[in-house]
Protein backbone atom coordinates (compact mmCIF):
# COMPACT_ATOMS: atom_id res chain seq x y z
CA UNK A 1 35.73 -0.69 121.34
CA UNK A 2 35.85 1.63 124.22
CA UNK A 3 34.47 5.16 123.81
CA UNK A 4 36.44 7.81 125.64
CA UNK A 5 34.63 10.61 127.07
CA UNK A 6 36.06 13.99 127.87
CA UNK A 7 35.23 15.70 131.14
CA UNK A 8 33.68 19.12 130.76
CA UNK A 9 35.59 21.91 132.56
CA UNK A 10 33.39 23.65 135.11
CA UNK A 11 31.53 26.75 133.76
CA UNK A 12 31.33 25.41 130.20
CA UNK A 13 28.18 24.58 128.34
CA UNK A 14 28.09 20.84 127.83
CA UNK A 15 25.48 21.31 125.05
CA UNK A 16 27.72 23.62 122.96
CA UNK A 17 28.29 22.68 119.33
CA UNK A 18 31.59 20.79 118.89
CA UNK A 19 34.50 22.63 117.22
CA UNK A 20 35.68 21.94 113.73
CA UNK A 21 38.76 20.09 115.14
CA UNK A 22 36.38 17.84 117.38
CA UNK A 23 34.12 17.15 114.46
CA UNK A 24 36.88 16.08 112.20
CA UNK A 25 38.67 13.94 114.92
CA UNK A 26 35.43 12.30 115.85
CA UNK A 27 34.24 11.92 112.41
CA UNK A 28 30.67 13.03 113.43
CA UNK A 29 29.78 15.87 111.19
CA UNK A 30 31.35 17.58 108.20
CA UNK A 31 32.13 21.22 108.50
CA UNK A 32 30.04 23.39 106.31
CA UNK A 33 31.84 25.75 103.86
CA UNK A 34 30.88 28.38 101.43
CA UNK A 35 34.18 27.66 99.45
CA UNK A 36 32.64 25.07 97.17
CA UNK A 37 32.59 26.00 93.44
CA UNK A 38 29.18 25.96 91.68
CA UNK A 39 30.16 22.68 89.91
CA UNK A 40 31.39 21.00 93.20
CA UNK A 41 28.00 22.07 94.86
CA UNK A 42 26.18 20.58 91.97
CA UNK A 43 28.14 17.34 92.27
CA UNK A 44 27.42 17.34 96.06
CA UNK A 45 23.71 17.66 95.34
CA UNK A 46 23.80 14.75 92.96
CA UNK A 47 25.71 12.60 95.44
CA UNK A 48 23.31 13.49 98.22
CA UNK A 49 20.60 12.18 96.03
CA UNK A 50 22.40 8.81 95.70
CA UNK A 51 23.54 9.10 92.16
CA UNK A 52 26.64 7.18 91.00
CA UNK A 53 29.64 8.94 89.44
CA UNK A 54 28.55 7.73 85.90
CA UNK A 55 24.93 9.03 86.44
CA UNK A 56 26.29 12.34 87.80
CA UNK A 57 28.71 12.60 84.82
CA UNK A 58 26.11 12.00 82.24
CA UNK A 59 23.76 14.53 83.66
CA UNK A 60 26.45 17.18 83.96
CA UNK A 61 28.10 16.25 80.52
CA UNK A 62 31.38 15.58 82.13
CA UNK A 63 33.44 12.31 82.59
CA UNK A 64 33.23 10.26 85.74
CA UNK A 65 36.87 11.07 86.28
CA UNK A 66 36.00 14.73 86.53
CA UNK A 67 33.17 13.89 88.94
CA UNK A 68 35.80 12.07 91.02
CA UNK A 69 38.09 15.11 90.92
CA UNK A 70 35.18 17.29 92.24
CA UNK A 71 34.46 14.80 95.05
CA UNK A 72 38.12 14.84 96.03
CA UNK A 73 38.15 18.59 96.14
CA UNK A 74 34.94 18.64 98.27
CA UNK A 75 36.43 16.18 100.69
CA UNK A 76 39.65 18.20 100.85
CA UNK A 77 37.79 21.40 101.52
CA UNK A 78 35.32 20.07 104.09
CA UNK A 79 37.07 17.05 105.83
CA UNK A 80 34.36 14.69 104.68
CA UNK A 81 35.43 11.05 104.51
CA UNK A 82 32.36 9.07 103.24
CA UNK A 83 29.07 9.38 101.42
CA UNK A 84 27.02 9.71 104.71
CA UNK A 85 29.00 12.73 105.68
CA UNK A 86 28.44 14.22 102.18
CA UNK A 87 24.77 13.87 102.66
CA UNK A 88 24.94 15.67 106.01
CA UNK A 89 26.97 18.33 104.36
CA UNK A 90 24.43 18.84 101.67
CA UNK A 91 21.66 19.06 104.11
CA UNK A 92 23.60 21.48 106.39
CA UNK A 93 24.47 23.73 103.24
CA UNK A 94 20.83 23.71 102.28
CA UNK A 95 21.64 22.13 98.99
CA UNK A 96 19.29 19.23 99.59
CA UNK A 97 15.98 19.18 101.32
CA UNK A 98 15.33 16.04 103.29
CA UNK A 99 11.94 15.77 101.47
CA UNK A 100 13.54 15.91 98.08
CA UNK A 101 12.11 13.53 95.59
CA UNK A 102 15.03 13.28 93.41
CA UNK A 103 14.83 16.46 91.24
CA UNK A 104 17.77 18.93 91.43
């Protein structure tokens, strides 16, 4: 698979952060957002720690279907497409410390 590169127009900073559109098109990084509800943020923290929908549901006293609904909303709001991007999002939002031992 060939990777296309885009030539930088003269006078631009080639080390500038990519735009939201570029991030979503490339699938590189999720865009952080403050629009997550408290429960969505809680689900995000659990997922970033590697917990399953069932484990998250048990600890939050909700059904796994509700966890799935929260995850779908998070993905819609942020453009995230997979668990790795969810972890990146949680780190970027400060919800998860990379040195976290598993406690929320």
